C-alpha atoms as a PDB file:
ATOM      1  CA  MET A   1       6.163 -42.638  32.482  1.00  0.00           C
ATOM      2  CA  THR A   2       4.094 -45.838  32.594  1.00  0.00           C
ATOM      3  CA  ASP A   3       0.866 -47.145  33.671  1.00  0.00           C
ATOM      4  CA  GLY A   4       1.465 -50.851  33.449  1.00  0.00           C
ATOM      5  CA  SER A   5       0.106 -52.729  30.788  1.00  0.00           C
ATOM      6  CA  ALA A   6      -2.779 -50.193  29.653  1.00  0.00           C
ATOM      7  CA  ALA A   7      -2.156 -48.493  26.492  1.00  0.00           C
ATOM      8  CA  HIS A   8      -1.347 -44.833  26.594  1.00  0.00           C
ATOM      9  CA  GLU A   9      -4.109 -42.509  24.923  1.00  0.00           C
ATOM     10  CA  LEU A  10      -3.008 -40.318  22.209  1.00  0.00           C
ATOM     11  CA  PHE A  11      -4.306 -36.931  21.197  1.00  0.00           C
ATOM     12  CA  LEU A  12      -3.701 -35.675  17.518  1.00  0.00           C
ATOM     13  CA  GLU A  13      -4.157 -32.189  16.210  1.00  0.00           C
ATOM     14  CA  ILE A  14      -3.106 -30.404  12.646  1.00  0.00           C
ATOM     15  CA  SER A  15      -1.287 -27.116  13.086  1.00  0.00           C
ATOM     16  CA  GLN A  16      -0.852 -24.569   9.920  1.00  0.00           C
ATOM     17  CA  TRP A  17      -3.588 -26.682   8.034  1.00  0.00           C
ATOM     18  CA  PHE A  18      -4.754 -25.483   4.634  1.00  0.00           C
ATOM     19  CA  PRO A  19      -8.429 -24.074   4.552  1.00  0.00           C
ATOM     20  CA  SER A  20     -11.484 -26.132   3.591  1.00  0.00           C
ATOM     21  CA  GLU A  21     -11.428 -24.879   0.210  1.00  0.00           C
ATOM     22  CA  VAL A  22      -8.275 -24.941  -2.023  1.00  0.00           C
ATOM     23  CA  ALA A  23      -7.396 -24.497  -5.575  1.00  0.00           C
ATOM     24  CA  ALA A  24      -6.899 -27.666  -7.519  1.00  0.00           C
ATOM     25  CA  GLY A  25      -3.501 -28.851  -7.462  1.00  0.00           C
ATOM     26  CA  ALA A  26      -2.339 -26.500  -5.074  1.00  0.00           C
ATOM     27  CA  GLU A  27       0.759 -27.030  -2.656  1.00  0.00           C
ATOM     28  CA  LEU A  28      -0.568 -27.704   0.808  1.00  0.00           C
ATOM     29  CA  THR A  29       1.702 -27.574   3.911  1.00  0.00           C
ATOM     30  CA  PHE A  30       1.125 -28.354   7.533  1.00  0.00           C
ATOM     31  CA  LYS A  31       2.471 -30.034  10.850  1.00  0.00           C
ATOM     32  CA  VAL A  32       0.968 -32.728  12.858  1.00  0.00           C
ATOM     33  CA  ARG A  33       0.907 -32.598  16.726  1.00  0.00           C
ATOM     34  CA  VAL A  34       0.436 -35.784  18.984  1.00  0.00           C
ATOM     35  CA  ARG A  35       0.178 -35.507  22.575  1.00  0.00           C
ATOM     36  CA  CYS A  36       0.407 -38.895  24.790  1.00  0.00           C
ATOM     37  CA  SER A  37      -1.726 -38.921  27.873  1.00  0.00           C
ATOM     38  CA  PHE A  38       1.560 -39.761  29.860  1.00  0.00           C
ATOM     39  CA  GLY A  39       3.676 -37.459  28.046  1.00  0.00           C
ATOM     40  CA  CYS A  40       5.890 -39.926  26.081  1.00  0.00           C
ATOM     41  CA  ASP A  41       8.592 -39.039  23.641  1.00  0.00           C
ATOM     42  CA  LEU A  42       7.272 -40.447  20.318  1.00  0.00           C
ATOM     43  CA  ARG A  43       9.880 -39.189  17.944  1.00  0.00           C
ATOM     44  CA  GLY A  44      10.329 -41.322  15.071  1.00  0.00           C
ATOM     45  CA  THR A  45       6.564 -42.603  15.006  1.00  0.00           C
ATOM     46  CA  GLU A  46       5.122 -42.778  11.707  1.00  0.00           C
ATOM     47  CA  VAL A  47       2.290 -40.182  10.715  1.00  0.00           C
ATOM     48  CA  LEU A  48       0.558 -41.254   7.427  1.00  0.00           C
ATOM     49  CA  VAL A  49      -1.921 -39.231   5.422  1.00  0.00           C
ATOM     50  CA  GLU A  50      -4.524 -41.095   3.401  1.00  0.00           C
ATOM     51  CA  ALA A  51      -6.916 -40.706   0.588  1.00  0.00           C
ATOM     52  CA  PRO A  52      -9.901 -43.350   0.185  1.00  0.00           C
ATOM     53  CA  GLU A  53      -7.726 -44.759  -2.667  1.00  0.00           C
ATOM     54  CA  GLY A  54      -4.742 -45.061  -0.716  1.00  0.00           C
ATOM     55  CA  PRO A  55      -1.647 -43.315   0.899  1.00  0.00           C
ATOM     56  CA  VAL A  56      -0.926 -39.882   0.211  1.00  0.00           C
ATOM     57  CA  ILE A  57       2.440 -39.224   2.052  1.00  0.00           C
ATOM     58  CA  THR A  58       4.227 -40.504   5.072  1.00  0.00           C
ATOM     59  CA  SER A  59       6.067 -38.486   7.641  1.00  0.00           C
ATOM     60  CA  GLU A  60       7.243 -38.948  11.378  1.00  0.00           C
ATOM     61  CA  LEU A  61       7.326 -37.244  14.655  1.00  0.00           C
ATOM     62  CA  VAL A  62      10.729 -35.282  14.815  1.00  0.00           C
ATOM     63  CA  SER A  63      10.460 -33.050  17.709  1.00  0.00           C
ATOM     64  CA  TRP A  64       9.367 -33.554  21.563  1.00  0.00           C
ATOM     65  CA  VAL A  65       9.135 -30.317  23.759  1.00  0.00           C
ATOM     66  CA  GLU A  66       7.232 -30.120  27.082  1.00  0.00           C
ATOM     67  CA  GLY A  67       5.393 -33.313  26.234  1.00  0.00           C
ATOM     68  CA  ILE A  68       4.185 -32.292  22.513  1.00  0.00           C
ATOM     69  CA  ASN A  69       5.533 -34.389  19.770  1.00  0.00           C
ATOM     70  CA  GLU A  70       5.414 -32.631  16.194  1.00  0.00           C
ATOM     71  CA  THR A  71       6.405 -33.466  12.607  1.00  0.00           C
ATOM     72  CA  GLY A  72       8.376 -31.073  10.478  1.00  0.00           C
ATOM     73  CA  GLU A  73       6.476 -29.423   7.953  1.00  0.00           C
ATOM     74  CA  VAL A  74       4.687 -31.616   5.440  1.00  0.00           C
ATOM     75  CA  ALA A  75       4.342 -30.585   1.905  1.00  0.00           C
ATOM     76  CA  LEU A  76       1.939 -32.343  -0.674  1.00  0.00           C
ATOM     77  CA  SER A  77      -0.298 -31.401  -3.628  1.00  0.00           C
ATOM     78  CA  ALA A  78      -4.020 -31.231  -3.605  1.00  0.00           C
ATOM     79  CA  PRO A  79      -6.087 -33.469  -5.950  1.00  0.00           C
ATOM     80  CA  SER A  80      -6.068 -31.916  -9.472  1.00  0.00           C
ATOM     81  CA  GLY A  81      -9.802 -32.344 -10.021  1.00  0.00           C
ATOM     82  CA  VAL A  82     -12.482 -30.361  -8.629  1.00  0.00           C
ATOM     83  CA  GLY A  83     -14.789 -31.907  -5.896  1.00  0.00           C
ATOM     84  CA  GLU A  84     -14.929 -32.728  -2.331  1.00  0.00           C
ATOM     85  CA  HIS A  85     -12.417 -35.123  -0.593  1.00  0.00           C
ATOM     86  CA  GLU A  86     -12.124 -36.855   2.749  1.00  0.00           C
ATOM     87  CA  TRP A  87      -8.469 -37.579   3.646  1.00  0.00           C
ATOM     88  CA  SER A  88      -7.400 -38.679   7.038  1.00  0.00           C
ATOM     89  CA  VAL A  89      -4.192 -38.318   8.999  1.00  0.00           C
ATOM     90  CA  SER A  90      -3.070 -41.061  11.492  1.00  0.00           C
ATOM     91  CA  CYS A  91      -0.522 -41.915  13.963  1.00  0.00           C
ATOM     92  CA  ARG A  92       0.774 -45.359  14.196  1.00  0.00           C
ATOM     93  CA  PRO A  93       3.258 -46.164  17.154  1.00  0.00           C
ATOM     94  CA  GLN A  94       5.172 -49.158  16.699  1.00  0.00           C
ATOM     95  CA  ALA A  95       3.394 -52.194  18.133  1.00  0.00           C
ATOM     96  CA  GLY A  96       4.539 -54.317  21.069  1.00  0.00           C
ATOM     97  CA  GLU A  97       6.920 -51.864  22.751  1.00  0.00           C
ATOM     98  CA  PRO A  98       5.639 -51.234  26.265  1.00  0.00           C
ATOM     99  CA  PRO A  99       3.804 -49.160  27.098  1.00  0.00           C
ATOM    100  CA  GLY A 100       1.551 -49.469  24.004  1.00  0.00           C
ATOM    101  CA  HIS A 101      -0.077 -46.574  22.310  1.00  0.00           C
ATOM    102  CA  THR A 102      -3.631 -46.272  20.915  1.00  0.00           C
ATOM    103  CA  VAL A 103      -3.500 -45.849  17.033  1.00  0.00           C
ATOM    104  CA  ILE A 104      -5.336 -42.509  16.496  1.00  0.00           C
ATOM    105  CA  SER A 105      -6.984 -40.937  13.288  1.00  0.00           C
ATOM    106  CA  LEU A 106      -8.295 -37.573  12.474  1.00  0.00           C
ATOM    107  CA  PRO A 107     -10.531 -36.866   9.375  1.00  0.00           C
ATOM    108  CA  LEU A 108      -9.402 -34.059   7.088  1.00  0.00           C
ATOM    109  CA  PRO A 109     -12.472 -32.952   4.718  1.00  0.00           C
ATOM    110  CA  PHE A 110     -11.891 -30.400   2.180  1.00  0.00           C
ATOM    111  CA  SER A 111     -12.766 -29.209  -1.335  1.00  0.00           C
ATOM    112  CA  THR A 112     -11.017 -28.446  -4.279  1.00  0.00           C
ATOM    113  CA  GLU A 113     -12.170 -25.664  -6.798  1.00  0.00           C
ATOM    114  CA  ALA A 114     -11.110 -24.506 -10.323  1.00  0.00           C
ATOM    115  CA  HIS A 115      -8.489 -21.727 -10.510  1.00  0.00           C
ATOM    116  CA  ARG A 116      -9.908 -18.097 -10.750  1.00  0.00           C
ATOM    117  CA  THR A 117      -8.744 -16.115 -13.704  1.00  0.00           C
ATOM    118  CA  SER A 118      -9.193 -12.343 -13.827  1.00  0.00           C
ATOM    119  CA  LEU A 119      -8.950 -10.142 -17.088  1.00  0.00           C
ATOM    120  CA  ALA A 120      -8.072  -6.747 -17.927  1.00  0.00           C
ATOM    121  CA  ILE A 121      -7.976  -4.290 -20.872  1.00  0.00           C
ATOM    122  CA  TRP A 122      -6.433  -1.006 -21.433  1.00  0.00           C
ATOM    123  CA  ASP A 123      -4.637   1.332 -23.832  1.00  0.00           C
ATOM    124  CA  MET A 124      -8.236   1.677 -25.479  1.00  0.00           C
ATOM    125  CA  PRO A 125      -8.496   4.892 -27.603  1.00  0.00           C
ATOM    126  CA  SER A 126     -10.767   7.515 -26.263  1.00  0.00           C
ATOM    127  CA  PRO A 127     -12.612   7.682 -28.241  1.00  0.00           C
ATOM    128  CA  ALA A 128     -12.503   5.373 -31.210  1.00  0.00           C
ATOM    129  CA  VAL A 129     -13.391   6.354 -34.718  1.00  0.00           C
ATOM    130  CA  ILE A 130     -16.449   4.820 -36.208  1.00  0.00           C
ATOM    131  CA  GLY A 131     -15.361   1.994 -39.027  1.00  0.00           C
ATOM    132  CA  GLU A 132     -11.518   2.457 -38.055  1.00  0.00           C
ATOM    133  CA  PRO A 133      -9.215   0.013 -36.625  1.00  0.00           C
ATOM    134  CA  PHE A 134      -7.732   0.590 -33.338  1.00  0.00           C
ATOM    135  CA  MET A 135      -5.361  -1.308 -30.982  1.00  0.00           C
ATOM    136  CA  ALA A 136      -5.912  -2.711 -27.476  1.00  0.00           C
ATOM    137  CA  LYS A 137      -4.145  -4.615 -24.849  1.00  0.00           C
ATOM    138  CA  ILE A 138      -5.870  -7.505 -23.035  1.00  0.00           C
ATOM    139  CA  GLY A 139      -4.094  -9.342 -19.896  1.00  0.00           C
ATOM    140  CA  ALA A 140      -5.130 -12.056 -17.780  1.00  0.00           C
ATOM    141  CA  LYS A 141      -3.911 -13.521 -14.498  1.00  0.00           C
ATOM    142  CA  CYS A 142      -4.397 -16.769 -12.820  1.00  0.00           C
ATOM    143  CA  ALA A 143      -4.852 -16.319  -8.890  1.00  0.00           C
ATOM    144  CA  GLU A 144      -2.501 -19.488  -8.558  1.00  0.00           C
ATOM    145  CA  GLY A 145       0.117 -18.007 -10.986  1.00  0.00           C
ATOM    146  CA  CYS A 146      -0.415 -20.832 -13.677  1.00  0.00           C
ATOM    147  CA  ASP A 147       1.483 -20.346 -16.953  1.00  0.00           C
ATOM    148  CA  LEU A 148      -1.101 -18.932 -19.613  1.00  0.00           C
ATOM    149  CA  GLN A 149       1.512 -18.484 -22.463  1.00  0.00           C
ATOM    150  CA  SER A 150      -0.095 -18.941 -25.825  1.00  0.00           C
ATOM    151  CA  ARG A 151      -3.471 -19.522 -24.390  1.00  0.00           C
ATOM    152  CA  ARG A 152      -6.523 -18.044 -26.059  1.00  0.00           C
ATOM    153  CA  ILE A 153      -8.735 -15.122 -25.597  1.00  0.00           C
ATOM    154  CA  GLU A 154     -11.852 -14.187 -27.429  1.00  0.00           C
ATOM    155  CA  ILE A 155     -13.387 -10.700 -28.153  1.00  0.00           C
ATOM    156  CA  TYR A 156     -17.293 -10.570 -28.709  1.00  0.00           C
ATOM    157  CA  ASP A 157     -19.625  -7.796 -29.715  1.00  0.00           C
ATOM    158  CA  GLY A 158     -22.679  -6.565 -27.939  1.00  0.00           C
ATOM    159  CA  SER A 159     -24.842  -9.375 -29.778  1.00  0.00           C
ATOM    160  CA  GLY A 160     -22.595 -12.212 -28.705  1.00  0.00           C
ATOM    161  CA  ASP A 161     -20.843 -12.690 -32.020  1.00  0.00           C
ATOM    162  CA  ARG A 162     -17.054 -13.358 -31.797  1.00  0.00           C
ATOM    163  CA  LEU A 163     -14.906 -10.754 -33.280  1.00  0.00           C
ATOM    164  CA  THR A 164     -11.565 -12.020 -33.142  1.00  0.00           C
ATOM    165  CA  THR A 165      -9.302 -14.121 -31.199  1.00  0.00           C
ATOM    166  CA  SER A 166      -5.618 -13.755 -30.008  1.00  0.00           C
ATOM    167  CA  GLU A 167      -3.058 -15.721 -27.943  1.00  0.00           C
ATOM    168  CA  PHE A 168      -1.100 -14.561 -24.899  1.00  0.00           C
ATOM    169  CA  ARG A 169       2.678 -13.512 -25.843  1.00  0.00           C
ATOM    170  CA  ASP A 170       5.564 -15.018 -24.171  1.00  0.00           C
ATOM    171  CA  GLY A 171       6.549 -13.373 -20.930  1.00  0.00           C
ATOM    172  CA  PHE A 172       4.683 -10.985 -18.773  1.00  0.00           C
ATOM    173  CA  TRP A 173       3.591  -7.391 -19.002  1.00  0.00           C
ATOM    174  CA  PRO A 174       6.661  -5.276 -18.006  1.00  0.00           C
ATOM    175  CA  GLY A 175       6.662  -4.612 -14.463  1.00  0.00           C
ATOM    176  CA  SER A 176       4.529  -7.725 -13.590  1.00  0.00           C
ATOM    177  CA  ASP A 177       5.454 -11.293 -12.326  1.00  0.00           C
ATOM    178  CA  ALA A 178       2.115 -12.909 -13.296  1.00  0.00           C
ATOM    179  CA  LEU A 179       0.112 -10.814 -15.975  1.00  0.00           C
ATOM    180  CA  HIS A 180       0.043 -12.673 -19.295  1.00  0.00           C
ATOM    181  CA  TRP A 181      -0.948 -10.153 -22.224  1.00  0.00           C
ATOM    182  CA  THR A 182      -1.667  -9.600 -25.825  1.00  0.00           C
ATOM    183  CA  GLU A 183      -2.256  -6.942 -28.149  1.00  0.00           C
ATOM    184  CA  VAL A 184      -5.286  -7.271 -30.560  1.00  0.00           C
ATOM    185  CA  GLU A 185      -6.601  -5.032 -33.372  1.00  0.00           C
ATOM    186  CA  LEU A 186     -10.262  -4.326 -33.232  1.00  0.00           C
ATOM    187  CA  VAL A 187     -12.528  -2.210 -35.790  1.00  0.00           C
ATOM    188  CA  ALA A 188     -14.961   0.232 -34.180  1.00  0.00           C
ATOM    189  CA  PRO A 189     -18.566  -0.056 -35.413  1.00  0.00           C
ATOM    190  CA  GLU A 190     -20.006   1.919 -38.316  1.00  0.00           C
ATOM    191  CA  THR A 191     -22.427   4.001 -35.967  1.00  0.00           C
ATOM    192  CA  GLU A 192     -21.648   6.549 -33.213  1.00  0.00           C
ATOM    193  CA  GLY A 193     -22.461   5.791 -29.481  1.00  0.00           C
ATOM    194  CA  VAL A 194     -21.314   4.102 -26.377  1.00  0.00           C
ATOM    195  CA  VAL A 195     -20.180   0.545 -27.619  1.00  0.00           C
ATOM    196  CA  SER A 196     -20.201  -2.521 -24.875  1.00  0.00           C
ATOM    197  CA  TRP A 197     -17.993  -5.678 -25.909  1.00  0.00           C
ATOM    198  CA  SER A 198     -16.566  -8.274 -23.900  1.00  0.00           C
ATOM    199  CA  VAL A 199     -13.465 -10.603 -23.644  1.00  0.00           C
ATOM    200  CA  ALA A 200     -13.695 -13.978 -22.741  1.00  0.00           C
ATOM    201  CA  PHE A 201     -10.978 -16.564 -21.504  1.00  0.00           C
ATOM    202  CA  PRO A 202     -12.307 -20.144 -22.401  1.00  0.00           C
ATOM    203  CA  ALA A 203      -9.838 -21.777 -19.859  1.00  0.00           C
ATOM    204  CA  ALA A 204      -9.883 -24.965 -22.024  1.00  0.00           C
ATOM    205  CA  ASP A 205      -7.071 -27.663 -22.196  1.00  0.00           C
ATOM    206  CA  LEU A 206      -5.232 -26.344 -19.329  1.00  0.00           C
ATOM    207  CA  GLU A 207      -3.323 -28.894 -16.961  1.00  0.00           C
ATOM    208  CA  LEU A 208      -5.379 -27.887 -13.991  1.00  0.00           C
ATOM    209  CA  PRO A 209      -8.919 -26.812 -14.085  1.00  0.00           C
ATOM    210  CA  HIS A 210      -9.521 -23.077 -14.359  1.00  0.00           C
ATOM    211  CA  GLN A 211     -12.824 -21.171 -14.159  1.00  0.00           C
ATOM    212  CA  GLU A 212     -13.842 -19.336 -17.451  1.00  0.00           C
ATOM    213  CA  ALA A 213     -13.690 -15.532 -17.120  1.00  0.00           C
ATOM    214  CA  CYS A 214     -15.417 -13.004 -18.990  1.00  0.00           C
ATOM    215  CA  SER A 215     -15.277  -9.197 -18.798  1.00  0.00           C
ATOM    216  CA  LYS A 216     -17.118  -6.517 -20.331  1.00  0.00           C
ATOM    217  CA  PHE A 217     -15.571  -3.149 -21.487  1.00  0.00           C
ATOM    218  CA  SER A 218     -17.283   0.023 -23.060  1.00  0.00           C
ATOM    219  CA  PHE A 219     -15.990   2.783 -25.342  1.00  0.00           C
ATOM    220  CA  SER A 220     -17.314   5.510 -27.228  1.00  0.00           C
ATOM    221  CA  ALA A 221     -17.247   5.349 -31.244  1.00  0.00           C
ATOM    222  CA  THR A 222     -17.402   8.909 -32.655  1.00  0.00           C
ATOM    223  CA  ARG A 223     -17.060  10.645 -36.190  1.00  0.00           C
ATOM    224  CA  PRO A 224     -13.537  11.330 -37.208  1.00  0.00           C
ATOM    225  CA  ALA A 225     -11.937  14.497 -35.452  1.00  0.00           C
ATOM    226  CA  ALA A 226     -12.313  17.624 -37.698  1.00  0.00           C
ATOM    227  CA  HIS A 227     -11.037  20.481 -35.217  1.00  0.00           C
ATOM    228  CA  ARG A 228      -8.469  21.147 -32.596  1.00  0.00           C
ATOM    229  CA  VAL A 229      -9.492  22.552 -29.300  1.00  0.00           C
ATOM    230  CA  THR A 230      -6.806  23.828 -27.247  1.00  0.00           C
ATOM    231  CA  VAL A 231      -7.706  24.137 -23.893  1.00  0.00           C
ATOM    232  CA  GLU A 232      -5.510  26.483 -21.468  1.00  0.00           C
ATOM    233  CA  VAL A 233      -6.055  25.800 -17.467  1.00  0.00           C
ATOM    234  CA  VAL A 234      -4.867  28.575 -15.305  1.00  0.00           C
ATOM    235  CA  GLU A 235      -5.745  29.653 -11.551  1.00  0.00           C
ATOM    236  CA  THR A 236      -8.418  32.096 -11.230  1.00  0.00           C
ATOM    237  CA  GLY A 237      -7.186  35.947 -11.385  1.00  0.00           C
ATOM    238  CA  SER A 238      -3.554  34.694 -12.518  1.00  0.00           C
ATOM    239  CA  THR A 239      -1.659  33.345 -15.343  1.00  0.00           C
ATOM    240  CA  ILE A 240      -0.126  30.554 -13.233  1.00  0.00           C
ATOM    241  CA  PRO A 241      -0.769  27.166 -15.440  1.00  0.00           C
ATOM    242  CA  VAL A 242      -2.537  24.135 -13.688  1.00  0.00           C
ATOM    243  CA  PRO A 243      -0.523  21.072 -14.772  1.00  0.00           C
ATOM    244  CA  ASN A 244      -1.791  17.550 -15.054  1.00  0.00           C
ATOM    245  CA  ALA A 245      -5.468  18.647 -15.012  1.00  0.00           C
ATOM    246  CA  GLN A 246      -8.075  16.164 -16.544  1.00  0.00           C
ATOM    247  CA  VAL A 247      -9.861  17.665 -19.662  1.00  0.00           C
ATOM    248  CA  SER A 248     -12.945  16.032 -21.248  1.00  0.00           C
ATOM    249  CA  LEU A 249     -15.038  17.110 -24.155  1.00  0.00           C
ATOM    250  CA  GLY A 250     -17.840  14.548 -24.177  1.00  0.00           C
ATOM    251  CA  ALA A 251     -16.150  11.250 -25.111  1.00  0.00           C
ATOM    252  CA  TYR A 252     -12.685  12.859 -25.870  1.00  0.00           C
ATOM    253  CA  ARG A 253     -10.000  13.086 -23.039  1.00  0.00           C
ATOM    254  CA  ALA A 254      -6.819  14.640 -22.376  1.00  0.00           C
ATOM    255  CA  SER A 255      -4.923  16.171 -19.732  1.00  0.00           C
ATOM    256  CA  THR A 256      -2.885  19.385 -19.397  1.00  0.00           C
ATOM    257  CA  GLY A 257       1.130  19.126 -19.454  1.00  0.00           C
ATOM    258  CA  GLU A 258       3.382  21.422 -17.532  1.00  0.00           C
ATOM    259  CA  SER A 259       2.360  24.427 -19.535  1.00  0.00           C
ATOM    260  CA  GLY A 260      -1.300  24.037 -18.262  1.00  0.00           C
ATOM    261  CA  ARG A 261      -2.422  23.268 -22.075  1.00  0.00           C
ATOM    262  CA  SER A 262      -3.844  20.536 -23.867  1.00  0.00           C
ATOM    263  CA  ILE A 263      -4.979  19.882 -27.442  1.00  0.00           C
ATOM    264  CA  VAL A 264      -7.974  18.031 -28.059  1.00  0.00           C
ATOM    265  CA  SER A 265      -9.125  16.773 -31.613  1.00  0.00           C
ATOM    266  CA  VAL A 266     -12.864  16.422 -32.022  1.00  0.00           C
ATOM    267  CA  ALA A 267     -15.510  16.106 -34.554  1.00  0.00           C
ATOM    268  CA  GLU A 268     -17.765  19.156 -35.165  1.00  0.00           C
ATOM    269  CA  GLY A 269     -20.613  19.490 -32.617  1.00  0.00           C
ATOM    270  CA  THR A 270     -21.462  20.507 -29.099  1.00  0.00           C
ATOM    271  CA  TYR A 271     -19.484  19.228 -26.159  1.00  0.00           C
ATOM    272  CA  GLU A 272     -19.614  19.670 -22.380  1.00  0.00           C
ATOM    273  CA  LEU A 273     -16.131  20.896 -21.353  1.00  0.00           C
ATOM    274  CA  VAL A 274     -15.151  19.555 -17.917  1.00  0.00           C
ATOM    275  CA  ILE A 275     -11.944  20.188 -16.072  1.00  0.00           C
ATOM    276  CA  TRP A 276     -10.943  18.093 -12.993  1.00  0.00           C
ATOM    277  CA  LYS A 277      -7.899  18.121 -10.566  1.00  0.00           C
ATOM    278  CA  VAL A 278      -7.704  17.568  -7.052  1.00  0.00           C
ATOM    279  CA  GLY A 279      -7.650  20.759  -4.950  1.00  0.00           C
ATOM    280  CA  TYR A 280      -9.238  22.650  -7.705  1.00  0.00           C
ATOM    281  CA  GLU A 281     -12.951  23.528  -8.907  1.00  0.00           C
ATOM    282  CA  ALA A 282     -14.012  24.733 -12.191  1.00  0.00           C
ATOM    283  CA  PRO A 283     -17.801  24.782 -13.530  1.00  0.00           C
ATOM    284  CA  SER A 284     -18.510  22.712 -16.647  1.00  0.00           C
ATOM    285  CA  ARG A 285     -19.423  24.577 -19.825  1.00  0.00           C
ATOM    286  CA  ALA A 286     -21.058  24.134 -23.078  1.00  0.00           C
ATOM    287  CA  LEU A 287     -18.708  24.549 -26.169  1.00  0.00           C
ATOM    288  CA  ASP A 288     -19.758  24.629 -29.756  1.00  0.00           C
ATOM    289  CA  VAL A 289     -16.997  23.394 -32.124  1.00  0.00           C
ATOM    290  CA  SER A 290     -17.469  24.340 -35.824  1.00  0.00           C
ATOM    291  CA  LYS A 291     -13.661  25.375 -36.146  1.00  0.00           C
ATOM    292  CA  ASP A 292     -10.378  25.357 -34.337  1.00  0.00           C
ATOM    293  CA  LEU A 293     -10.624  26.890 -31.007  1.00  0.00           C
ATOM    294  CA  THR A 294      -8.426  28.080 -28.097  1.00  0.00           C
ATOM    295  CA  VAL A 295     -10.223  28.055 -24.756  1.00  0.00           C
ATOM    296  CA  ARG A 296      -9.015  29.481 -21.347  1.00  0.00           C
ATOM    297  CA  VAL A 297     -10.321  28.246 -18.526  1.00  0.00           C
ATOM    298  CA  GLU A 298      -9.828  29.484 -14.909  1.00  0.00           C
ATOM    299  CA  VAL A 299      -9.935  27.305 -11.845  1.00  0.00           C
ATOM    300  CA  VAL A 300     -10.630  28.275  -8.283  1.00  0.00           C
ATOM    301  CA  VAL A 301      -7.762  26.850  -5.878  1.00  0.00           C
ATOM    302  CA  LEU A 302      -9.647  25.120  -2.960  1.00  0.00           C
ATOM    303  CA  PRO A 303      -8.472  25.536   0.876  1.00  0.00           C
ATOM    304  CA  ASP A 304      -6.134  22.918   2.038  1.00  0.00           C
ATOM    305  CA  ARG A 305      -8.306  21.019   4.301  1.00  0.00           C
ATOM    306  CA  SER A 306      -5.390  19.057   5.819  1.00  0.00           C
ATOM    307  CA  SER A 307      -4.172  21.984   7.658  1.00  0.00           C
ATOM    308  CA  TRP A 308      -7.568  22.750   9.491  1.00  0.00           C
ATOM    309  CA  GLU A 309      -7.657  22.111  13.281  1.00  0.00           C
ATOM    310  CA  ASP A 310     -10.724  20.440  14.783  1.00  0.00           C
ATOM    311  CA  ASP A 311     -13.171  22.658  16.550  1.00  0.00           C
END
């Protein structure tokens, strides 16, 4: 395979290349393919990845199949800063060995971005009692799986005033392999109503840049419970209990157990009683609570549409 003294032309391409936008510091893997216009075996030829400031990594062509030369998997880390980058990959055959080959280079433009972080809050009371402390759990997860242990989160009220801070505990939330979490004590406001607060992750002083995250959460603050409302849910025209039905009395929430019964402690007042469960239907109703009550609610069993045949 030779054409005399003329240099053979090379064609270079990237396989398994990473996307044009990657997380700062992310591990990147790819392969480089080189084809000679005369199908030459170029195994052992150097392949170089370079940044403007100098070489990033050196590899070599290790396979030759049907005229295609290819490196093994090349692994390197993206820059740890956020910004635009212009790398290049080049193939540099040994000089002075006929037939000669051209040196070929391919630009590799890409950008790095700060890591995304998501927040979650759970185990909030339903509702909270005005002026009383309550506990809530807060979790955060980096999209790249970074260690957030001992990092700080901040809680703010609706006016933007900081209420408290907390640090993530050692280890992950049980059953999770990436959710860092903490438990915080908060105090409900002194007035009734729906409260909207927020939790923020400042993302400062991390080894790699992270986007600051903020998530709003809402809850109801009510007067202290004074009465117990026992709600029994049964199928219409029978005494068959309906387990695991959702029961709501205004801001108060509960679910029926296997007995079809739930007990909700509420403040004195008038509430809308709503029962919900897939496959059942029950109209809502107003309920005046001035003492302990027991209420039976009959729900209609809906037809099983999964067994219907198409017309």
